[in-house]
């Protein structure tokens, strides 16, 4: 489908369940639009305004959402394999049970206060993402890069992190209770004030002596 909506005013329009593959929405106003279950494979949504839009269960594989405004958008159960969300703003967005994989690029994306519960990230670039005060309860992050990310006061209870680089990441005050962390690199990360309770650490690197001591203490208490 080769339609061009560059810069168009599409606010509040209903595109639900439509096939919009490869459509050009660059710089368009899709705020409050209904894109529920729409197919947007390879669509260009760069610089688009999607604030408050409903993208639940949408397929956005290889879509370009760089610099898009997704503040308060709904992406529940959306699939974004290979999508580009660099510097997109998803403040307060509902992204629970979504899937990012196949080299999806989220560098510099903003998820402040977003709901990422049970969201899955696989082979994803999360460098420099801002997830302050976001909910990542039960989320899964594997084979991904979270270097220099900001996860201050994020809720990572029951999250599973496997083969993840978190060099220089800010985790101050984050809740890692009941989380499972395997082969995670914490070099130069800020782990001040993190909450660990029944947290499973395996193959962790880059921890300070104080943090290693706290982990050993927790392991002893949980026996």
N, C-alpha and C. Protein backbone atom coordinates (compact mmCIF):
# COMPACT_ATOMS: atom_id res chain seq x y z
N UNK A 1 0.86 -1.19 0.00
CA UNK A 1 0.00 0.00 0.00
C UNK A 1 0.89 1.23 0.00
N UNK A 2 0.87 1.99 -1.07
CA UNK A 2 1.76 3.13 -1.19
C UNK A 2 0.96 4.43 -1.09
N UNK A 3 0.60 4.78 0.14
CA UNK A 3 -0.09 6.04 0.36
C UNK A 3 0.83 6.99 1.08
N UNK A 4 0.63 8.28 0.84
CA UNK A 4 1.49 9.29 1.41
C UNK A 4 0.66 10.25 2.25
N UNK A 5 0.92 10.21 3.56
CA UNK A 5 0.21 11.10 4.49
C UNK A 5 1.19 12.07 5.16
N UNK A 6 2.27 12.38 4.51
CA UNK A 6 3.29 13.24 5.11
C UNK A 6 2.68 14.57 5.56
N UNK A 7 2.84 14.87 6.86
CA UNK A 7 2.39 16.14 7.41
C UNK A 7 0.89 16.33 7.49
N UNK A 8 0.11 15.30 7.22
CA UNK A 8 -1.35 15.43 7.20
C UNK A 8 -1.95 15.48 8.60
N UNK A 9 -3.09 16.13 8.72
CA UNK A 9 -3.83 16.18 9.97
C UNK A 9 -4.80 15.00 10.00
N UNK A 10 -4.45 13.98 10.78
CA UNK A 10 -5.24 12.75 10.87
C UNK A 10 -5.71 12.52 12.30
N UNK A 11 -5.77 13.58 13.05
CA UNK A 11 -6.11 13.49 14.47
C UNK A 11 -7.43 12.78 14.69
N UNK A 12 -7.40 11.75 15.56
CA UNK A 12 -8.62 11.05 15.96
C UNK A 12 -9.22 10.14 14.91
N UNK A 13 -8.56 9.97 13.77
CA UNK A 13 -9.14 9.13 12.72
C UNK A 13 -9.04 7.64 13.06
N UNK A 14 -9.92 6.85 12.46
CA UNK A 14 -10.00 5.41 12.73
C UNK A 14 -9.30 4.63 11.62
N UNK A 15 -8.15 4.06 11.98
CA UNK A 15 -7.41 3.20 11.06
C UNK A 15 -7.35 1.77 11.60
N UNK A 16 -8.24 1.43 12.51
CA UNK A 16 -8.18 0.13 13.17
C UNK A 16 -8.29 -1.00 12.16
N UNK A 17 -7.42 -2.03 12.37
CA UNK A 17 -7.38 -3.24 11.56
C UNK A 17 -7.07 -2.99 10.09
N UNK A 18 -6.58 -1.80 9.77
CA UNK A 18 -6.22 -1.49 8.38
C UNK A 18 -4.82 -1.99 8.05
N UNK A 19 -4.59 -2.32 6.79
CA UNK A 19 -3.25 -2.65 6.32
C UNK A 19 -2.60 -1.35 5.85
N UNK A 20 -1.61 -0.90 6.61
CA UNK A 20 -0.93 0.36 6.32
C UNK A 20 0.57 0.12 6.13
N UNK A 21 0.91 -1.04 5.63
CA UNK A 21 2.31 -1.39 5.42
C UNK A 21 2.96 -0.41 4.44
N UNK A 22 4.15 0.06 4.81
CA UNK A 22 4.97 0.95 3.98
C UNK A 22 4.34 2.33 3.75
N UNK A 23 3.28 2.66 4.46
CA UNK A 23 2.65 3.98 4.30
C UNK A 23 3.53 5.04 4.96
N UNK A 24 3.60 6.21 4.34
CA UNK A 24 4.42 7.30 4.83
C UNK A 24 3.58 8.27 5.67
N UNK A 25 3.77 8.21 7.00
CA UNK A 25 3.07 9.11 7.92
C UNK A 25 4.03 10.13 8.54
N UNK A 26 5.16 10.33 7.92
CA UNK A 26 6.18 11.21 8.50
C UNK A 26 5.61 12.59 8.81
N UNK A 27 5.83 13.01 10.06
CA UNK A 27 5.41 14.34 10.53
C UNK A 27 3.89 14.55 10.52
N UNK A 28 3.13 13.47 10.41
CA UNK A 28 1.67 13.58 10.42
C UNK A 28 1.14 13.69 11.84
N UNK A 29 -0.07 14.26 11.98
CA UNK A 29 -0.71 14.35 13.29
C UNK A 29 -1.71 13.20 13.42
N UNK A 30 -1.29 12.18 14.17
CA UNK A 30 -2.15 11.02 14.43
C UNK A 30 -2.54 10.95 15.89
N UNK A 31 -2.52 12.09 16.55
CA UNK A 31 -2.87 12.10 17.97
C UNK A 31 -4.29 11.60 18.17
N UNK A 32 -4.46 10.74 19.18
CA UNK A 32 -5.75 10.14 19.53
C UNK A 32 -6.35 9.28 18.41
N UNK A 33 -5.56 8.94 17.40
CA UNK A 33 -6.05 8.08 16.32
C UNK A 33 -6.19 6.64 16.81
N UNK A 34 -7.07 5.90 16.15
CA UNK A 34 -7.29 4.49 16.49
C UNK A 34 -6.58 3.62 15.46
N UNK A 35 -5.46 3.01 15.89
CA UNK A 35 -4.69 2.12 15.04
C UNK A 35 -4.67 0.71 15.62
N UNK A 36 -5.70 0.39 16.39
CA UNK A 36 -5.80 -0.91 17.02
C UNK A 36 -5.75 -2.03 15.98
N UNK A 37 -4.83 -2.98 16.18
CA UNK A 37 -4.67 -4.14 15.30
C UNK A 37 -4.28 -3.77 13.87
N UNK A 38 -3.83 -2.56 13.65
CA UNK A 38 -3.41 -2.16 12.30
C UNK A 38 -2.06 -2.80 11.97
N UNK A 39 -1.81 -3.02 10.68
CA UNK A 39 -0.52 -3.52 10.23
C UNK A 39 0.26 -2.33 9.65
N UNK A 40 1.40 -2.04 10.30
CA UNK A 40 2.21 -0.89 9.90
C UNK A 40 3.65 -1.33 9.61
N UNK A 41 3.78 -2.46 8.98
CA UNK A 41 5.11 -3.00 8.68
C UNK A 41 5.84 -2.06 7.71
N UNK A 42 7.06 -1.69 8.08
CA UNK A 42 7.89 -0.79 7.27
C UNK A 42 7.25 0.60 7.09
N UNK A 43 6.25 0.94 7.89
CA UNK A 43 5.65 2.28 7.79
C UNK A 43 6.62 3.34 8.32
N UNK A 44 6.54 4.54 7.75
CA UNK A 44 7.37 5.66 8.22
C UNK A 44 6.52 6.57 9.09
N UNK A 45 6.78 6.51 10.42
CA UNK A 45 6.06 7.34 11.39
C UNK A 45 7.04 8.27 12.09
N UNK A 46 8.16 8.53 11.44
CA UNK A 46 9.16 9.39 12.06
C UNK A 46 8.62 10.81 12.23
N UNK A 47 8.90 11.38 13.40
CA UNK A 47 8.48 12.75 13.73
C UNK A 47 6.97 12.92 13.78
N UNK A 48 6.22 11.81 13.74
CA UNK A 48 4.76 11.90 13.78
C UNK A 48 4.27 12.16 15.21
N UNK A 49 3.09 12.77 15.30
CA UNK A 49 2.46 12.99 16.59
C UNK A 49 1.44 11.89 16.83
N UNK A 50 1.79 10.95 17.72
CA UNK A 50 0.92 9.82 18.05
C UNK A 50 0.49 9.89 19.51
N UNK A 51 0.49 11.08 20.07
CA UNK A 51 0.11 11.24 21.48
C UNK A 51 -1.31 10.73 21.70
N UNK A 52 -1.46 9.82 22.67
CA UNK A 52 -2.77 9.28 22.99
C UNK A 52 -3.34 8.32 21.98
N UNK A 53 -2.57 7.98 20.95
CA UNK A 53 -3.07 7.06 19.91
C UNK A 53 -3.18 5.64 20.45
N UNK A 54 -4.11 4.88 19.90
CA UNK A 54 -4.30 3.48 20.29
C UNK A 54 -3.64 2.58 19.26
N UNK A 55 -2.49 2.00 19.65
CA UNK A 55 -1.75 1.09 18.78
C UNK A 55 -1.73 -0.31 19.38
N UNK A 56 -2.70 -0.61 20.21
CA UNK A 56 -2.73 -1.92 20.86
C UNK A 56 -2.87 -3.02 19.81
N UNK A 57 -2.07 -4.08 19.98
CA UNK A 57 -2.03 -5.24 19.09
C UNK A 57 -1.68 -4.87 17.65
N UNK A 58 -1.09 -3.71 17.45
CA UNK A 58 -0.64 -3.33 16.11
C UNK A 58 0.66 -4.05 15.78
N UNK A 59 0.91 -4.25 14.49
CA UNK A 59 2.15 -4.86 14.02
C UNK A 59 3.00 -3.76 13.40
N UNK A 60 4.14 -3.48 14.06
CA UNK A 60 4.99 -2.37 13.64
C UNK A 60 6.39 -2.85 13.30
N UNK A 61 6.50 -4.05 12.78
CA UNK A 61 7.80 -4.59 12.43
C UNK A 61 8.50 -3.70 11.40
N UNK A 62 9.76 -3.35 11.71
CA UNK A 62 10.59 -2.51 10.83
C UNK A 62 10.02 -1.11 10.62
N UNK A 63 9.05 -0.70 11.40
CA UNK A 63 8.51 0.66 11.27
C UNK A 63 9.51 1.68 11.79
N UNK A 64 9.47 2.88 11.22
CA UNK A 64 10.34 3.97 11.67
C UNK A 64 9.53 4.93 12.53
N UNK A 65 9.78 4.88 13.85
CA UNK A 65 9.10 5.76 14.80
C UNK A 65 10.10 6.70 15.48
N UNK A 66 11.22 6.94 14.82
CA UNK A 66 12.24 7.80 15.42
C UNK A 66 11.69 9.21 15.63
N UNK A 67 11.97 9.77 16.80
CA UNK A 67 11.55 11.12 17.18
C UNK A 67 10.03 11.30 17.23
N UNK A 68 9.28 10.20 17.23
CA UNK A 68 7.83 10.29 17.29
C UNK A 68 7.35 10.68 18.69
N UNK A 69 6.22 11.37 18.74
CA UNK A 69 5.58 11.72 20.01
C UNK A 69 4.54 10.66 20.32
N UNK A 70 4.86 9.79 21.30
CA UNK A 70 3.95 8.71 21.70
C UNK A 70 3.54 8.88 23.16
N UNK A 71 3.52 10.11 23.62
CA UNK A 71 3.15 10.40 25.01
C UNK A 71 1.73 9.89 25.27
N UNK A 72 1.59 9.03 26.27
CA UNK A 72 0.27 8.52 26.63
C UNK A 72 -0.34 7.56 25.62
N UNK A 73 0.45 7.12 24.64
CA UNK A 73 -0.08 6.19 23.63
C UNK A 73 -0.28 4.79 24.23
N UNK A 74 -1.10 4.00 23.56
CA UNK A 74 -1.39 2.64 24.01
C UNK A 74 -0.78 1.66 23.01
N UNK A 75 0.20 0.89 23.47
CA UNK A 75 0.86 -0.11 22.62
C UNK A 75 0.77 -1.49 23.26
N UNK A 76 -0.30 -1.76 23.98
CA UNK A 76 -0.47 -3.04 24.65
C UNK A 76 -0.48 -4.17 23.62
N UNK A 77 0.41 -5.16 23.82
CA UNK A 77 0.54 -6.34 22.96
C UNK A 77 0.95 -5.99 21.53
N UNK A 78 1.52 -4.80 21.33
CA UNK A 78 2.02 -4.45 20.00
C UNK A 78 3.31 -5.23 19.72
N UNK A 79 3.59 -5.49 18.45
CA UNK A 79 4.81 -6.18 18.04
C UNK A 79 5.67 -5.20 17.25
N UNK A 80 6.91 -4.99 17.74
CA UNK A 80 7.77 -3.98 17.15
C UNK A 80 9.15 -4.56 16.82
N UNK A 81 9.18 -5.71 16.20
CA UNK A 81 10.45 -6.34 15.85
C UNK A 81 11.17 -5.51 14.79
N UNK A 82 12.42 -5.17 15.08
CA UNK A 82 13.22 -4.40 14.15
C UNK A 82 12.79 -2.96 13.98
N UNK A 83 11.91 -2.47 14.84
CA UNK A 83 11.43 -1.09 14.72
C UNK A 83 12.48 -0.09 15.21
N UNK A 84 12.42 1.12 14.69
CA UNK A 84 13.31 2.20 15.09
C UNK A 84 12.52 3.21 15.92
N UNK A 85 12.83 3.27 17.22
CA UNK A 85 12.19 4.23 18.11
C UNK A 85 13.22 5.18 18.74
N UNK A 86 14.32 5.40 18.06
CA UNK A 86 15.36 6.27 18.62
C UNK A 86 14.79 7.65 18.93
N UNK A 87 15.01 8.08 20.17
CA UNK A 87 14.59 9.41 20.64
C UNK A 87 13.08 9.63 20.61
N UNK A 88 12.30 8.55 20.52
CA UNK A 88 10.84 8.69 20.61
C UNK A 88 10.45 8.98 22.05
N UNK A 89 9.35 9.70 22.23
CA UNK A 89 8.88 10.06 23.57
C UNK A 89 7.64 9.23 23.91
N UNK A 90 7.82 8.26 24.82
CA UNK A 90 6.72 7.40 25.26
C UNK A 90 6.39 7.64 26.72
N UNK A 91 6.55 8.87 27.17
CA UNK A 91 6.23 9.21 28.55
C UNK A 91 4.80 8.81 28.88
N UNK A 92 4.65 8.05 29.96
CA UNK A 92 3.31 7.65 30.40
C UNK A 92 2.58 6.71 29.47
N UNK A 93 3.27 6.14 28.50
CA UNK A 93 2.62 5.22 27.55
C UNK A 93 2.31 3.88 28.20
N UNK A 94 1.32 3.18 27.64
CA UNK A 94 0.95 1.85 28.11
C UNK A 94 1.50 0.84 27.10
N UNK A 95 2.60 0.17 27.50
CA UNK A 95 3.32 -0.70 26.58
C UNK A 95 3.36 -2.14 27.11
N UNK A 96 2.44 -2.47 27.99
CA UNK A 96 2.47 -3.79 28.62
C UNK A 96 2.28 -4.90 27.61
N UNK A 97 3.05 -5.98 27.80
CA UNK A 97 2.98 -7.19 26.98
C UNK A 97 3.34 -6.95 25.51
N UNK A 98 4.02 -5.84 25.23
CA UNK A 98 4.50 -5.60 23.87
C UNK A 98 5.77 -6.40 23.64
N UNK A 99 6.20 -6.51 22.39
CA UNK A 99 7.41 -7.25 22.07
C UNK A 99 8.33 -6.42 21.17
N UNK A 100 9.57 -6.25 21.65
CA UNK A 100 10.61 -5.58 20.87
C UNK A 100 11.71 -6.60 20.61
N UNK A 101 12.01 -6.88 19.37
CA UNK A 101 13.04 -7.87 19.08
C UNK A 101 13.67 -7.64 17.73
N UNK A 102 14.53 -8.61 17.34
CA UNK A 102 15.12 -8.61 16.01
C UNK A 102 15.82 -7.28 15.69
N UNK A 103 16.70 -6.86 16.63
CA UNK A 103 17.50 -5.65 16.46
C UNK A 103 16.68 -4.36 16.49
N UNK A 104 15.59 -4.34 17.24
CA UNK A 104 14.85 -3.09 17.42
C UNK A 104 15.79 -2.06 18.06
N UNK A 105 15.68 -0.81 17.65
CA UNK A 105 16.58 0.24 18.13
C UNK A 105 15.78 1.29 18.89
N UNK A 106 16.01 1.34 20.23
CA UNK A 106 15.29 2.28 21.08
C UNK A 106 16.24 3.29 21.71
N UNK A 107 17.38 3.52 21.10
CA UNK A 107 18.39 4.39 21.71
C UNK A 107 17.81 5.78 22.01
N UNK A 108 17.98 6.20 23.26
CA UNK A 108 17.54 7.53 23.66
C UNK A 108 16.04 7.69 23.81
N UNK A 109 15.28 6.61 23.69
CA UNK A 109 13.82 6.71 23.84
C UNK A 109 13.45 7.04 25.29
N UNK A 110 12.33 7.73 25.46
CA UNK A 110 11.90 8.17 26.78
C UNK A 110 10.65 7.40 27.21
N UNK A 111 10.78 6.63 28.30
CA UNK A 111 9.68 5.84 28.84
C UNK A 111 9.34 6.27 30.27
N UNK A 112 9.60 7.50 30.61
CA UNK A 112 9.37 7.96 31.97
C UNK A 112 7.93 7.69 32.41
N UNK A 113 7.78 6.97 33.52
CA UNK A 113 6.44 6.70 34.05
C UNK A 113 5.60 5.79 33.19
N UNK A 114 6.21 5.11 32.23
CA UNK A 114 5.45 4.23 31.33
C UNK A 114 5.17 2.88 31.97
N UNK A 115 4.14 2.22 31.49
CA UNK A 115 3.80 0.87 31.96
C UNK A 115 4.35 -0.14 30.96
N UNK A 116 5.44 -0.80 31.36
CA UNK A 116 6.10 -1.80 30.52
C UNK A 116 5.98 -3.19 31.14
N UNK A 117 4.93 -3.39 31.91
CA UNK A 117 4.72 -4.67 32.58
C UNK A 117 4.66 -5.82 31.57
N UNK A 118 5.44 -6.86 31.84
CA UNK A 118 5.46 -8.07 31.01
C UNK A 118 5.89 -7.81 29.57
N UNK A 119 6.55 -6.69 29.34
CA UNK A 119 7.06 -6.41 27.99
C UNK A 119 8.33 -7.21 27.75
N UNK A 120 8.54 -7.66 26.52
CA UNK A 120 9.70 -8.49 26.19
C UNK A 120 10.63 -7.74 25.23
N UNK A 121 11.91 -7.73 25.60
CA UNK A 121 12.94 -7.12 24.78
C UNK A 121 13.97 -8.20 24.45
N UNK A 122 14.21 -8.45 23.17
CA UNK A 122 15.18 -9.46 22.78
C UNK A 122 16.05 -8.90 21.65
N UNK A 123 17.39 -8.96 21.84
CA UNK A 123 18.31 -8.42 20.84
C UNK A 123 17.91 -6.98 20.50
N UNK A 124 17.77 -6.17 21.55
CA UNK A 124 17.30 -4.79 21.40
C UNK A 124 18.34 -3.80 21.88
N UNK A 125 18.48 -2.69 21.17
CA UNK A 125 19.37 -1.62 21.59
C UNK A 125 18.58 -0.65 22.47
N UNK A 126 18.88 -0.67 23.77
CA UNK A 126 18.21 0.20 24.74
C UNK A 126 19.18 1.21 25.33
N UNK A 127 20.23 1.51 24.60
CA UNK A 127 21.25 2.44 25.07
C UNK A 127 20.65 3.81 25.35
N UNK A 128 20.88 4.30 26.56
CA UNK A 128 20.46 5.66 26.91
C UNK A 128 18.96 5.86 27.07
N UNK A 129 18.17 4.78 27.19
CA UNK A 129 16.74 4.97 27.38
C UNK A 129 16.45 5.56 28.76
N UNK A 130 15.39 6.32 28.86
CA UNK A 130 14.98 6.94 30.11
C UNK A 130 13.74 6.22 30.62
N UNK A 131 13.93 5.35 31.61
CA UNK A 131 12.82 4.58 32.18
C UNK A 131 12.59 4.95 33.65
N UNK A 132 12.87 6.18 33.99
CA UNK A 132 12.66 6.60 35.38
C UNK A 132 11.20 6.37 35.80
N UNK A 133 11.05 5.77 36.97
CA UNK A 133 9.73 5.54 37.57
C UNK A 133 8.80 4.72 36.68
N UNK A 134 9.35 3.97 35.76
CA UNK A 134 8.51 3.12 34.90
C UNK A 134 8.27 1.78 35.58
N UNK A 135 7.23 1.08 35.13
CA UNK A 135 6.92 -0.25 35.66
C UNK A 135 7.38 -1.30 34.66
N UNK A 136 8.37 -2.08 35.08
CA UNK A 136 8.87 -3.19 34.26
C UNK A 136 8.63 -4.52 34.97
N UNK A 137 7.57 -4.57 35.75
CA UNK A 137 7.24 -5.77 36.51
C UNK A 137 7.06 -6.96 35.55
N UNK A 138 7.79 -8.04 35.83
CA UNK A 138 7.65 -9.25 35.03
C UNK A 138 8.14 -9.12 33.59
N UNK A 139 8.88 -8.07 33.31
CA UNK A 139 9.39 -7.90 31.94
C UNK A 139 10.56 -8.86 31.70
N UNK A 140 10.88 -9.08 30.43
CA UNK A 140 12.00 -9.94 30.06
C UNK A 140 12.93 -9.17 29.12
N UNK A 141 14.20 -9.09 29.51
CA UNK A 141 15.20 -8.41 28.68
C UNK A 141 16.36 -9.38 28.48
N UNK A 142 16.60 -9.75 27.23
CA UNK A 142 17.70 -10.69 26.99
C UNK A 142 18.50 -10.30 25.75
N UNK A 143 19.81 -10.59 25.84
CA UNK A 143 20.71 -10.34 24.73
C UNK A 143 20.58 -8.90 24.23
N UNK A 144 20.52 -7.96 25.18
CA UNK A 144 20.28 -6.56 24.83
C UNK A 144 21.27 -5.62 25.52
N UNK A 145 21.32 -4.38 25.04
CA UNK A 145 22.24 -3.37 25.56
C UNK A 145 21.45 -2.28 26.26
N UNK A 146 21.71 -2.14 27.58
CA UNK A 146 21.07 -1.09 28.39
C UNK A 146 22.10 -0.11 28.94
N UNK A 147 23.23 0.03 28.25
CA UNK A 147 24.28 0.93 28.72
C UNK A 147 23.76 2.37 28.83
N UNK A 148 24.18 3.03 29.90
CA UNK A 148 23.88 4.46 30.12
C UNK A 148 22.39 4.76 30.17
N UNK A 149 21.58 3.75 30.48
CA UNK A 149 20.14 3.98 30.63
C UNK A 149 19.84 4.57 32.00
N UNK A 150 18.67 5.17 32.14
CA UNK A 150 18.24 5.72 33.43
C UNK A 150 17.02 4.95 33.92
N UNK A 151 17.25 4.09 34.92
CA UNK A 151 16.18 3.28 35.50
C UNK A 151 15.96 3.65 36.96
N UNK A 152 16.26 4.88 37.29
CA UNK A 152 16.09 5.32 38.68
C UNK A 152 14.64 5.15 39.13
N UNK A 153 14.48 4.49 40.28
CA UNK A 153 13.17 4.25 40.90
C UNK A 153 12.22 3.44 39.99
N UNK A 154 12.77 2.71 39.04
CA UNK A 154 11.93 1.83 38.20
C UNK A 154 11.56 0.58 38.99
N UNK A 155 10.43 -0.01 38.64
CA UNK A 155 9.95 -1.22 39.30
C UNK A 155 10.25 -2.42 38.40
N UNK A 156 11.26 -3.20 38.81
CA UNK A 156 11.68 -4.37 38.05
C UNK A 156 11.39 -5.67 38.81
N UNK A 157 10.38 -5.64 39.66
CA UNK A 157 10.02 -6.85 40.41
C UNK A 157 9.69 -7.99 39.44
N UNK A 158 10.25 -9.15 39.72
CA UNK A 158 10.04 -10.37 38.95
C UNK A 158 10.51 -10.27 37.50
N UNK A 159 11.30 -9.26 37.19
CA UNK A 159 11.85 -9.13 35.84
C UNK A 159 12.93 -10.18 35.61
N UNK A 160 13.17 -10.53 34.34
CA UNK A 160 14.21 -11.49 33.99
C UNK A 160 15.17 -10.82 33.01
N UNK A 161 16.43 -10.67 33.44
CA UNK A 161 17.45 -10.06 32.61
C UNK A 161 18.54 -11.08 32.33
N UNK A 162 18.76 -11.39 31.07
CA UNK A 162 19.73 -12.42 30.68
C UNK A 162 20.65 -11.88 29.58
N UNK A 163 21.95 -11.98 29.82
CA UNK A 163 22.95 -11.50 28.85
C UNK A 163 22.70 -10.03 28.49
N UNK A 164 22.70 -9.19 29.51
CA UNK A 164 22.41 -7.77 29.33
C UNK A 164 23.59 -6.92 29.79
N UNK A 165 23.95 -5.92 29.00
CA UNK A 165 24.99 -4.96 29.39
C UNK A 165 24.31 -3.73 29.98
N UNK A 166 24.70 -3.38 31.23
CA UNK A 166 24.13 -2.22 31.91
C UNK A 166 25.26 -1.30 32.40
N UNK A 167 26.27 -1.16 31.60
CA UNK A 167 27.40 -0.32 31.97
C UNK A 167 26.97 1.14 32.07
N UNK A 168 27.27 1.74 33.20
CA UNK A 168 26.95 3.14 33.39
C UNK A 168 25.48 3.43 33.59
N UNK A 169 24.68 2.40 33.78
CA UNK A 169 23.24 2.59 33.95
C UNK A 169 22.90 3.09 35.35
N UNK A 170 21.93 3.98 35.44
CA UNK A 170 21.49 4.52 36.73
C UNK A 170 20.30 3.70 37.23
N UNK A 171 20.53 2.91 38.28
CA UNK A 171 19.48 2.09 38.88
C UNK A 171 19.15 2.56 40.29
N UNK A 172 19.48 3.80 40.58
CA UNK A 172 19.28 4.30 41.95
C UNK A 172 17.82 4.12 42.39
N UNK A 173 17.64 3.45 43.52
CA UNK A 173 16.30 3.27 44.08
C UNK A 173 15.41 2.30 43.33
N UNK A 174 15.95 1.57 42.35
CA UNK A 174 15.14 0.62 41.59
C UNK A 174 14.78 -0.60 42.44
N UNK A 175 13.63 -1.18 42.16
CA UNK A 175 13.17 -2.36 42.89
C UNK A 175 13.43 -3.61 42.06
N UNK A 176 14.39 -4.44 42.52
CA UNK A 176 14.76 -5.67 41.83
C UNK A 176 14.30 -6.90 42.62
N UNK A 177 13.34 -6.72 43.48
CA UNK A 177 12.85 -7.83 44.29
C UNK A 177 12.32 -8.97 43.42
N UNK A 178 12.73 -10.18 43.73
CA UNK A 178 12.29 -11.40 43.04
C UNK A 178 12.68 -11.43 41.56
N UNK A 179 13.58 -10.53 41.18
CA UNK A 179 14.05 -10.53 39.79
C UNK A 179 15.12 -11.60 39.60
N UNK A 180 15.31 -12.02 38.35
CA UNK A 180 16.34 -12.98 38.01
C UNK A 180 17.31 -12.31 37.05
N UNK A 181 18.58 -12.22 37.47
CA UNK A 181 19.59 -11.56 36.66
C UNK A 181 20.72 -12.54 36.37
N UNK A 182 20.92 -12.83 35.10
CA UNK A 182 21.94 -13.80 34.70
C UNK A 182 22.85 -13.18 33.63
N UNK A 183 24.16 -13.21 33.92
CA UNK A 183 25.15 -12.66 32.99
C UNK A 183 24.86 -11.19 32.67
N UNK A 184 24.79 -10.38 33.71
CA UNK A 184 24.55 -8.94 33.56
C UNK A 184 25.82 -8.18 33.95
N UNK A 185 26.20 -7.21 33.12
CA UNK A 185 27.40 -6.40 33.36
C UNK A 185 26.99 -5.07 33.96
N UNK A 186 27.37 -4.86 35.26
CA UNK A 186 27.01 -3.65 35.98
C UNK A 186 28.18 -2.67 36.11
N UNK A 187 29.17 -2.78 35.28
CA UNK A 187 30.32 -1.90 35.42
C UNK A 187 29.92 -0.43 35.35
N UNK A 188 30.38 0.33 36.35
CA UNK A 188 30.12 1.78 36.45
C UNK A 188 28.64 2.12 36.61
N UNK A 189 27.81 1.13 36.93
CA UNK A 189 26.39 1.40 37.15
C UNK A 189 26.17 1.97 38.55
N UNK A 190 25.11 2.77 38.70
CA UNK A 190 24.73 3.32 39.99
C UNK A 190 23.67 2.41 40.61
N UNK A 191 24.08 1.65 41.64
CA UNK A 191 23.17 0.70 42.28
C UNK A 191 22.78 1.16 43.68
N UNK A 192 22.95 2.43 43.94
CA UNK A 192 22.63 2.96 45.26
C UNK A 192 21.14 2.84 45.57
N UNK A 193 20.84 2.34 46.74
CA UNK A 193 19.45 2.28 47.21
C UNK A 193 18.57 1.27 46.51
N UNK A 194 19.16 0.34 45.73
CA UNK A 194 18.30 -0.65 45.06
C UNK A 194 17.72 -1.62 46.08
N UNK A 195 16.54 -2.14 45.76
CA UNK A 195 15.87 -3.09 46.64
C UNK A 195 16.06 -4.50 46.10
N UNK A 196 16.65 -5.35 46.93
CA UNK A 196 16.83 -6.75 46.54
C UNK A 196 16.23 -7.64 47.62
N UNK A 197 15.30 -8.45 47.22
CA UNK A 197 14.65 -9.39 48.14
C UNK A 197 14.30 -10.62 47.32
N UNK A 198 14.94 -11.74 47.65
CA UNK A 198 14.77 -12.98 46.89
C UNK A 198 15.17 -12.77 45.43
N UNK A 199 16.16 -11.90 45.22
CA UNK A 199 16.67 -11.64 43.88
C UNK A 199 17.73 -12.68 43.54
N UNK A 200 17.68 -13.22 42.34
CA UNK A 200 18.61 -14.27 41.91
C UNK A 200 19.68 -13.65 41.01
N UNK A 201 20.94 -13.61 41.51
CA UNK A 201 22.06 -13.09 40.74
C UNK A 201 22.95 -14.26 40.31
N UNK A 202 23.21 -14.38 39.01
CA UNK A 202 24.09 -15.43 38.50
C UNK A 202 25.01 -14.84 37.43
N UNK A 203 26.31 -15.04 37.59
CA UNK A 203 27.26 -14.57 36.58
C UNK A 203 27.30 -13.07 36.42
N UNK A 204 27.12 -12.34 37.54
CA UNK A 204 27.10 -10.88 37.49
C UNK A 204 28.52 -10.32 37.54
N UNK A 205 28.78 -9.26 36.78
CA UNK A 205 30.09 -8.63 36.80
C UNK A 205 29.97 -7.13 37.06
N UNK A 206 31.06 -6.55 37.56
CA UNK A 206 31.11 -5.11 37.77
C UNK A 206 30.51 -4.62 39.06
N UNK A 207 30.25 -5.51 40.03
CA UNK A 207 29.65 -5.09 41.30
C UNK A 207 30.72 -4.58 42.26
N UNK A 208 30.34 -3.61 43.07
CA UNK A 208 31.24 -3.12 44.11
C UNK A 208 31.30 -4.15 45.23
N UNK A 209 32.32 -4.04 46.09
CA UNK A 209 32.43 -4.97 47.21
C UNK A 209 31.21 -4.86 48.12
N UNK A 210 30.72 -3.63 48.30
CA UNK A 210 29.55 -3.42 49.17
C UNK A 210 28.33 -4.16 48.61
N UNK A 211 28.15 -4.08 47.29
CA UNK A 211 26.99 -4.74 46.69
C UNK A 211 27.14 -6.25 46.74
N UNK A 212 28.34 -6.75 46.50
CA UNK A 212 28.57 -8.20 46.60
C UNK A 212 28.27 -8.69 48.01
N UNK A 213 28.65 -7.89 48.99
CA UNK A 213 28.38 -8.24 50.39
C UNK A 213 26.88 -8.27 50.65
N UNK A 214 26.17 -7.28 50.11
CA UNK A 214 24.71 -7.22 50.31
C UNK A 214 24.02 -8.42 49.67
N UNK A 215 24.52 -8.83 48.50
CA UNK A 215 23.94 -9.99 47.81
C UNK A 215 24.18 -11.27 48.60
N UNK A 216 25.40 -11.42 49.12
CA UNK A 216 25.70 -12.60 49.93
C UNK A 216 24.83 -12.63 51.19
N UNK A 217 24.63 -11.46 51.75
CA UNK A 217 23.80 -11.35 52.97
C UNK A 217 22.37 -11.77 52.67
N UNK A 218 21.86 -11.30 51.52
CA UNK A 218 20.51 -11.63 51.12
C UNK A 218 20.39 -13.13 50.89
N UNK A 219 21.38 -13.72 50.21
CA UNK A 219 21.36 -15.16 49.92
C UNK A 219 21.30 -15.95 51.21
N UNK A 220 22.05 -15.50 52.21
CA UNK A 220 22.08 -16.20 53.50
C UNK A 220 20.71 -16.09 54.18
N UNK A 221 20.12 -14.91 54.11
CA UNK A 221 18.82 -14.69 54.77
C UNK A 221 17.69 -15.50 54.11
N UNK A 222 17.85 -15.72 52.81
CA UNK A 222 16.78 -16.42 52.07
C UNK A 222 16.88 -17.94 52.14
N UNK A 223 17.95 -18.44 52.78
CA UNK A 223 18.12 -19.87 52.89
C UNK A 223 17.13 -20.45 53.92
